[in-house]
Amino acid sequence: MEIWSHGGKRYELTSIYSVPDDAWYYELRGLTEPTGAGPYLTISLPDATPDGPFTPKPAQHIVVYADGGVLPWPILGKLIHLLESNGDLVEEQRDLSSGTVGLPLTLNSWSHEGRRFEVNQLHHGDADSWCYELYEVGPDNPESNYIEVRIPDASPEAGPFIPMLADHLTLTMHGHMALPWPVFRRFLDAIQAAGVILEATGDEPPRP
């Protein structure tokens, strides 16, 4: 178990192996907000050799469970960095070409193994933020289940949108979603490619 802090709030990371599921889990939850408020984010890594030492299956089999709450962007980046440094993202295939991670202003539709997802971007006037939303399209997925990354405007009253530094960005999880890792990773890569993730001078490269 690890305790991470950001902006005066604390987050607990637990890593456990589930024998019934033959999978390793990273469970991240908030400790500061009232009970039930979250955030709750779980990464499930299926085991390729359940009868021997844990060997993660290729990254395409990883599932991200987003179960509500608001997670700071730097904490999300720290979790993904942990996955990378532990060697958990086996055979990850990331296409960073503009055709894959580019996000036109119109609605974007992505497909993955028979499932369809849509990405939308919009200005959220009530929150003075630019928002990127990801949700699954289908009869079994309520509209209330989606995730969004909010990028606050550094100067909402002064004209064109100016993104605040990455410390102020958040991942907000609405409802409950089970996202394939390739879709979740592509969503984060697309936001990164949009050039709206700004780090303070001297900080590490933007993550995730």
C-alpha atoms as a PDB file:
ATOM      1  CA  MET A   1       0.000   0.000   0.000  1.00  0.00           C
ATOM      2  CA  GLU A   2       1.155   3.517  -0.820  1.00  0.00           C
ATOM      3  CA  ILE A   3      -0.216   6.923   0.149  1.00  0.00           C
ATOM      4  CA  TRP A   4       0.077   9.721  -2.405  1.00  0.00           C
ATOM      5  CA  SER A   5      -0.750  13.385  -1.838  1.00  0.00           C
ATOM      6  CA  HIS A   6      -1.722  16.251  -4.109  1.00  0.00           C
ATOM      7  CA  GLY A   7      -3.275  19.625  -3.384  1.00  0.00           C
ATOM      8  CA  GLY A   8      -3.772  18.819   0.285  1.00  0.00           C
ATOM      9  CA  LYS A   9      -5.671  15.589  -0.458  1.00  0.00           C
ATOM     10  CA  ARG A  10      -4.531  11.995   0.084  1.00  0.00           C
ATOM     11  CA  TYR A  11      -4.944   8.945  -2.131  1.00  0.00           C
ATOM     12  CA  GLU A  12      -4.357   5.283  -1.313  1.00  0.00           C
ATOM     13  CA  LEU A  13      -2.934   2.833  -3.842  1.00  0.00           C
ATOM     14  CA  THR A  14      -3.352  -0.868  -3.106  1.00  0.00           C
ATOM     15  CA  SER A  15      -1.996  -3.679  -5.270  1.00  0.00           C
ATOM     16  CA  ILE A  16      -3.433  -7.167  -4.776  1.00  0.00           C
ATOM     17  CA  TYR A  17      -3.676 -10.460  -6.639  1.00  0.00           C
ATOM     18  CA  SER A  18      -7.148 -11.951  -7.088  1.00  0.00           C
ATOM     19  CA  VAL A  19      -7.047 -15.747  -7.301  1.00  0.00           C
ATOM     20  CA  PRO A  20     -10.690 -16.085  -8.481  1.00  0.00           C
ATOM     21  CA  ASP A  21     -10.055 -13.595 -11.304  1.00  0.00           C
ATOM     22  CA  ASP A  22      -6.487 -14.690 -12.146  1.00  0.00           C
ATOM     23  CA  ALA A  23      -5.550 -11.011 -12.274  1.00  0.00           C
ATOM     24  CA  TRP A  24      -3.434  -8.400 -10.533  1.00  0.00           C
ATOM     25  CA  TYR A  25      -5.278  -5.269  -9.432  1.00  0.00           C
ATOM     26  CA  TYR A  26      -4.115  -1.730  -8.761  1.00  0.00           C
ATOM     27  CA  GLU A  27      -6.818   0.032  -6.763  1.00  0.00           C
ATOM     28  CA  LEU A  28      -6.610   3.792  -6.297  1.00  0.00           C
ATOM     29  CA  ARG A  29      -9.059   5.600  -4.025  1.00  0.00           C
ATOM     30  CA  GLY A  30      -9.365   8.945  -2.332  1.00  0.00           C
ATOM     31  CA  LEU A  31      -9.015   9.240   1.438  1.00  0.00           C
ATOM     32  CA  THR A  32     -10.007  12.872   1.918  1.00  0.00           C
ATOM     33  CA  GLU A  33     -13.510  13.155   0.470  1.00  0.00           C
ATOM     34  CA  PRO A  34     -16.621  11.848   2.303  1.00  0.00           C
ATOM     35  CA  THR A  35     -17.232   8.091   2.135  1.00  0.00           C
ATOM     36  CA  GLY A  36     -18.548   7.096  -1.279  1.00  0.00           C
ATOM     37  CA  ALA A  37     -17.381  10.269  -3.032  1.00  0.00           C
ATOM     38  CA  GLY A  38     -14.268   8.648  -4.469  1.00  0.00           C
ATOM     39  CA  PRO A  39     -12.315   8.845  -6.567  1.00  0.00           C
ATOM     40  CA  TYR A  40     -12.204   5.136  -7.372  1.00  0.00           C
ATOM     41  CA  LEU A  41     -10.020   3.874 -10.215  1.00  0.00           C
ATOM     42  CA  THR A  42      -8.959   0.239 -10.673  1.00  0.00           C
ATOM     43  CA  ILE A  43      -6.588  -1.290 -13.217  1.00  0.00           C
ATOM     44  CA  SER A  44      -7.013  -5.037 -13.839  1.00  0.00           C
ATOM     45  CA  LEU A  45      -4.077  -6.945 -15.358  1.00  0.00           C
ATOM     46  CA  PRO A  46      -5.005 -10.525 -16.345  1.00  0.00           C
ATOM     47  CA  ASP A  47      -2.420 -13.198 -15.542  1.00  0.00           C
ATOM     48  CA  ALA A  48      -1.020 -15.146 -18.496  1.00  0.00           C
ATOM     49  CA  THR A  49       0.335 -17.906 -16.199  1.00  0.00           C
ATOM     50  CA  PRO A  50      -2.082 -18.321 -13.256  1.00  0.00           C
ATOM     51  CA  ASP A  51      -0.372 -21.572 -12.200  1.00  0.00           C
ATOM     52  CA  GLY A  52       3.063 -19.944 -11.977  1.00  0.00           C
ATOM     53  CA  PRO A  53       4.688 -16.567 -11.263  1.00  0.00           C
ATOM     54  CA  PHE A  54       2.525 -13.618 -12.259  1.00  0.00           C
ATOM     55  CA  THR A  55       3.023 -12.755 -15.918  1.00  0.00           C
ATOM     56  CA  PRO A  56       0.828  -9.955 -17.271  1.00  0.00           C
ATOM     57  CA  LYS A  57      -1.016 -10.610 -20.498  1.00  0.00           C
ATOM     58  CA  PRO A  58      -0.445  -8.126 -23.350  1.00  0.00           C
ATOM     59  CA  ALA A  59      -1.753  -4.646 -22.592  1.00  0.00           C
ATOM     60  CA  GLN A  60      -4.740  -5.069 -24.914  1.00  0.00           C
ATOM     61  CA  HIS A  61      -6.290  -7.324 -22.221  1.00  0.00           C
ATOM     62  CA  ILE A  62      -6.028  -4.744 -19.412  1.00  0.00           C
ATOM     63  CA  VAL A  63      -9.303  -3.262 -18.166  1.00  0.00           C
ATOM     64  CA  VAL A  64      -9.730   0.142 -16.499  1.00  0.00           C
ATOM     65  CA  TYR A  65     -12.621   0.426 -14.041  1.00  0.00           C
ATOM     66  CA  ALA A  66     -13.673   4.050 -13.504  1.00  0.00           C
ATOM     67  CA  ASP A  67     -16.143   4.122 -10.621  1.00  0.00           C
ATOM     68  CA  GLY A  68     -16.728   7.762  -9.837  1.00  0.00           C
ATOM     69  CA  GLY A  69     -15.017  10.774  -8.333  1.00  0.00           C
ATOM     70  CA  VAL A  70     -12.441  13.373  -9.317  1.00  0.00           C
ATOM     71  CA  LEU A  71      -8.782  12.406  -9.718  1.00  0.00           C
ATOM     72  CA  PRO A  72      -5.996  14.982 -10.182  1.00  0.00           C
ATOM     73  CA  TRP A  73      -4.070  14.595 -13.431  1.00  0.00           C
ATOM     74  CA  PRO A  74      -0.679  14.298 -11.639  1.00  0.00           C
ATOM     75  CA  ILE A  75      -1.982  11.378  -9.531  1.00  0.00           C
ATOM     76  CA  LEU A  76      -3.249   9.628 -12.661  1.00  0.00           C
ATOM     77  CA  GLY A  77       0.138  10.213 -14.272  1.00  0.00           C
ATOM     78  CA  LYS A  78       1.897   8.712 -11.259  1.00  0.00           C
ATOM     79  CA  LEU A  79      -0.223   5.564 -11.524  1.00  0.00           C
ATOM     80  CA  ILE A  80       0.513   5.132 -15.222  1.00  0.00           C
ATOM     81  CA  HIS A  81       4.216   5.748 -14.620  1.00  0.00           C
ATOM     82  CA  LEU A  82       4.097   2.949 -12.018  1.00  0.00           C
ATOM     83  CA  LEU A  83       2.564   0.560 -14.567  1.00  0.00           C
ATOM     84  CA  GLU A  84       5.252   1.474 -17.083  1.00  0.00           C
ATOM     85  CA  SER A  85       8.162   1.176 -14.653  1.00  0.00           C
ATOM     86  CA  ASN A  86       6.905  -2.180 -13.317  1.00  0.00           C
ATOM     87  CA  GLY A  87       6.819  -3.633 -16.823  1.00  0.00           C
ATOM     88  CA  ASP A  88       3.069  -4.276 -16.628  1.00  0.00           C
ATOM     89  CA  LEU A  89       2.257  -2.807 -20.055  1.00  0.00           C
ATOM     90  CA  VAL A  90       3.449  -5.810 -22.056  1.00  0.00           C
ATOM     91  CA  GLU A  91       3.465  -5.499 -25.848  1.00  0.00           C
ATOM     92  CA  GLU A  92       1.583  -2.212 -25.653  1.00  0.00           C
ATOM     93  CA  GLN A  93       0.855  -0.942 -29.144  1.00  0.00           C
ATOM     94  CA  ARG A  94       0.432   2.828 -29.161  1.00  0.00           C
ATOM     95  CA  ASP A  95      -0.282   4.585 -32.434  1.00  0.00           C
ATOM     96  CA  LEU A  96       0.660   8.228 -31.898  1.00  0.00           C
ATOM     97  CA  SER A  97       0.097   9.280 -35.504  1.00  0.00           C
ATOM     98  CA  SER A  98      -2.052  12.356 -36.084  1.00  0.00           C
ATOM     99  CA  GLY A  99      -4.708  10.222 -37.750  1.00  0.00           C
ATOM    100  CA  THR A 100      -5.160   8.210 -34.547  1.00  0.00           C
ATOM    101  CA  VAL A 101      -4.734  10.743 -31.744  1.00  0.00           C
ATOM    102  CA  GLY A 102      -5.880  13.861 -33.588  1.00  0.00           C
ATOM    103  CA  LEU A 103      -9.214  15.192 -32.319  1.00  0.00           C
ATOM    104  CA  PRO A 104     -11.161  17.407 -34.743  1.00  0.00           C
ATOM    105  CA  LEU A 105     -13.777  19.645 -33.151  1.00  0.00           C
ATOM    106  CA  THR A 106     -16.507  17.388 -34.512  1.00  0.00           C
ATOM    107  CA  LEU A 107     -17.579  14.222 -32.695  1.00  0.00           C
ATOM    108  CA  ASN A 108     -15.029  11.399 -32.922  1.00  0.00           C
ATOM    109  CA  SER A 109     -16.084   7.755 -33.087  1.00  0.00           C
ATOM    110  CA  TRP A 110     -13.675   4.948 -32.144  1.00  0.00           C
ATOM    111  CA  SER A 111     -14.146   1.190 -32.407  1.00  0.00           C
ATOM    112  CA  HIS A 112     -12.502  -1.538 -30.357  1.00  0.00           C
ATOM    113  CA  GLU A 113     -13.315  -5.257 -30.579  1.00  0.00           C
ATOM    114  CA  GLY A 114     -16.934  -4.700 -31.538  1.00  0.00           C
ATOM    115  CA  ARG A 115     -17.546  -1.861 -29.066  1.00  0.00           C
ATOM    116  CA  ARG A 116     -18.032   1.763 -30.108  1.00  0.00           C
ATOM    117  CA  PHE A 117     -16.863   4.811 -28.195  1.00  0.00           C
ATOM    118  CA  GLU A 118     -17.231   8.516 -28.832  1.00  0.00           C
ATOM    119  CA  VAL A 119     -14.979  11.392 -27.828  1.00  0.00           C
ATOM    120  CA  ASN A 120     -16.286  14.911 -27.597  1.00  0.00           C
ATOM    121  CA  GLN A 121     -14.629  18.193 -26.692  1.00  0.00           C
ATOM    122  CA  LEU A 122     -16.400  21.315 -25.547  1.00  0.00           C
ATOM    123  CA  HIS A 123     -16.084  24.438 -23.454  1.00  0.00           C
ATOM    124  CA  HIS A 124     -17.763  24.028 -20.071  1.00  0.00           C
ATOM    125  CA  GLY A 125     -18.855  27.564 -19.266  1.00  0.00           C
ATOM    126  CA  ASP A 126     -20.055  26.836 -15.736  1.00  0.00           C
ATOM    127  CA  ALA A 127     -16.647  25.409 -14.814  1.00  0.00           C
ATOM    128  CA  ASP A 128     -14.558  27.801 -16.958  1.00  0.00           C
ATOM    129  CA  SER A 129     -12.846  24.741 -18.446  1.00  0.00           C
ATOM    130  CA  TRP A 130     -12.192  22.984 -21.728  1.00  0.00           C
ATOM    131  CA  CYS A 131     -13.444  19.401 -21.459  1.00  0.00           C
ATOM    132  CA  TYR A 132     -12.717  16.143 -23.252  1.00  0.00           C
ATOM    133  CA  GLU A 133     -15.362  13.438 -22.779  1.00  0.00           C
ATOM    134  CA  LEU A 134     -15.213   9.701 -23.502  1.00  0.00           C
ATOM    135  CA  TYR A 135     -18.260   7.449 -23.399  1.00  0.00           C
ATOM    136  CA  GLU A 136     -19.409   4.150 -24.852  1.00  0.00           C
ATOM    137  CA  VAL A 137     -22.258   4.064 -27.356  1.00  0.00           C
ATOM    138  CA  GLY A 138     -24.762   1.269 -26.890  1.00  0.00           C
ATOM    139  CA  PRO A 139     -28.112   0.307 -25.370  1.00  0.00           C
ATOM    140  CA  ASP A 140     -26.457  -1.163 -22.265  1.00  0.00           C
ATOM    141  CA  ASN A 141     -24.471   1.961 -21.409  1.00  0.00           C
ATOM    142  CA  PRO A 142     -26.441   4.771 -19.719  1.00  0.00           C
ATOM    143  CA  GLU A 143     -25.574   8.315 -20.780  1.00  0.00           C
ATOM    144  CA  SER A 144     -24.578   9.007 -17.174  1.00  0.00           C
ATOM    145  CA  ASN A 145     -21.544   6.706 -17.524  1.00  0.00           C
ATOM    146  CA  TYR A 146     -18.605   8.631 -18.964  1.00  0.00           C
ATOM    147  CA  ILE A 147     -15.237  10.101 -18.084  1.00  0.00           C
ATOM    148  CA  GLU A 148     -13.970  13.590 -18.762  1.00  0.00           C
ATOM    149  CA  VAL A 149     -10.716  15.484 -18.460  1.00  0.00           C
ATOM    150  CA  ARG A 150     -11.193  19.106 -17.428  1.00  0.00           C
ATOM    151  CA  ILE A 151      -8.608  21.751 -18.257  1.00  0.00           C
ATOM    152  CA  PRO A 152      -9.354  25.002 -16.386  1.00  0.00           C
ATOM    153  CA  ASP A 153      -9.031  28.304 -18.211  1.00  0.00           C
ATOM    154  CA  ALA A 154      -6.260  30.455 -16.753  1.00  0.00           C
ATOM    155  CA  SER A 155      -7.970  33.636 -17.920  1.00  0.00           C
ATOM    156  CA  PRO A 156     -11.709  32.997 -18.416  1.00  0.00           C
ATOM    157  CA  GLU A 157     -12.641  36.676 -18.543  1.00  0.00           C
ATOM    158  CA  ALA A 158      -9.856  37.870 -20.830  1.00  0.00           C
ATOM    159  CA  GLY A 159     -10.494  36.245 -24.205  1.00  0.00           C
ATOM    160  CA  PRO A 160      -9.185  33.070 -25.909  1.00  0.00           C
ATOM    161  CA  PHE A 161      -8.836  29.893 -23.860  1.00  0.00           C
ATOM    162  CA  ILE A 162      -5.510  29.616 -22.011  1.00  0.00           C
ATOM    163  CA  PRO A 163      -4.950  26.255 -20.271  1.00  0.00           C
ATOM    164  CA  MET A 164      -3.822  26.233 -16.664  1.00  0.00           C
ATOM    165  CA  LEU A 165      -0.812  24.145 -15.672  1.00  0.00           C
ATOM    166  CA  ALA A 166      -1.205  20.365 -15.440  1.00  0.00           C
ATOM    167  CA  ASP A 167      -1.396  20.474 -11.628  1.00  0.00           C
ATOM    168  CA  HIS A 168      -4.920  21.886 -12.013  1.00  0.00           C
ATOM    169  CA  LEU A 169      -6.227  19.294 -14.491  1.00  0.00           C
ATOM    170  CA  THR A 170      -8.609  16.561 -13.356  1.00  0.00           C
ATOM    171  CA  LEU A 171     -10.056  13.269 -14.541  1.00  0.00           C
ATOM    172  CA  THR A 172     -13.717  13.172 -13.524  1.00  0.00           C
ATOM    173  CA  MET A 173     -15.433   9.775 -13.566  1.00  0.00           C
ATOM    174  CA  HIS A 174     -19.223   9.719 -13.836  1.00  0.00           C
ATOM    175  CA  GLY A 175     -21.078   6.521 -13.005  1.00  0.00           C
ATOM    176  CA  HIS A 176     -19.303   3.236 -13.683  1.00  0.00           C
ATOM    177  CA  MET A 177     -17.270   2.248 -16.739  1.00  0.00           C
ATOM    178  CA  ALA A 178     -15.128  -0.730 -17.729  1.00  0.00           C
ATOM    179  CA  LEU A 179     -12.783   0.570 -20.405  1.00  0.00           C
ATOM    180  CA  PRO A 180     -10.342  -1.446 -22.514  1.00  0.00           C
ATOM    181  CA  TRP A 181      -6.839  -0.161 -21.839  1.00  0.00           C
ATOM    182  CA  PRO A 182      -6.159   0.671 -25.534  1.00  0.00           C
ATOM    183  CA  VAL A 183      -9.201   2.984 -25.579  1.00  0.00           C
ATOM    184  CA  PHE A 184      -8.325   4.649 -22.261  1.00  0.00           C
ATOM    185  CA  ARG A 185      -4.691   5.126 -23.324  1.00  0.00           C
ATOM    186  CA  ARG A 186      -5.709   6.521 -26.718  1.00  0.00           C
ATOM    187  CA  PHE A 187      -7.980   9.031 -24.976  1.00  0.00           C
ATOM    188  CA  LEU A 188      -5.103  10.277 -22.813  1.00  0.00           C
ATOM    189  CA  ASP A 189      -2.700  10.332 -25.780  1.00  0.00           C
ATOM    190  CA  ALA A 190      -5.196  12.377 -27.816  1.00  0.00           C
ATOM    191  CA  ILE A 191      -5.465  15.009 -25.082  1.00  0.00           C
ATOM    192  CA  GLN A 192      -1.683  15.099 -24.809  1.00  0.00           C
ATOM    193  CA  ALA A 193      -1.385  15.543 -28.585  1.00  0.00           C
ATOM    194  CA  ALA A 194      -3.806  18.488 -28.484  1.00  0.00           C
ATOM    195  CA  GLY A 195      -1.085  20.549 -26.804  1.00  0.00           C
ATOM    196  CA  VAL A 196      -3.180  21.604 -23.810  1.00  0.00           C
ATOM    197  CA  ILE A 197      -1.119  19.846 -21.114  1.00  0.00           C
ATOM    198  CA  LEU A 198       1.270  22.486 -19.806  1.00  0.00           C
ATOM    199  CA  GLU A 199       3.951  21.732 -17.232  1.00  0.00           C
ATOM    200  CA  ALA A 200       5.752  24.283 -15.089  1.00  0.00           C
ATOM    201  CA  THR A 201       9.303  25.044 -16.225  1.00  0.00           C
ATOM    202  CA  GLY A 202      11.714  22.451 -14.877  1.00  0.00           C
ATOM    203  CA  ASP A 203       9.040  19.812 -14.214  1.00  0.00           C
ATOM    204  CA  GLU A 204       9.200  16.291 -15.605  1.00  0.00           C
ATOM    205  CA  PRO A 205       7.715  15.700 -19.079  1.00  0.00           C
ATOM    206  CA  PRO A 206       3.905  15.751 -19.094  1.00  0.00           C
ATOM    207  CA  ARG A 207       2.204  12.567 -17.981  1.00  0.00           C
ATOM    208  CA  PRO A 208       0.249  10.450 -18.557  1.00  0.00           C
END
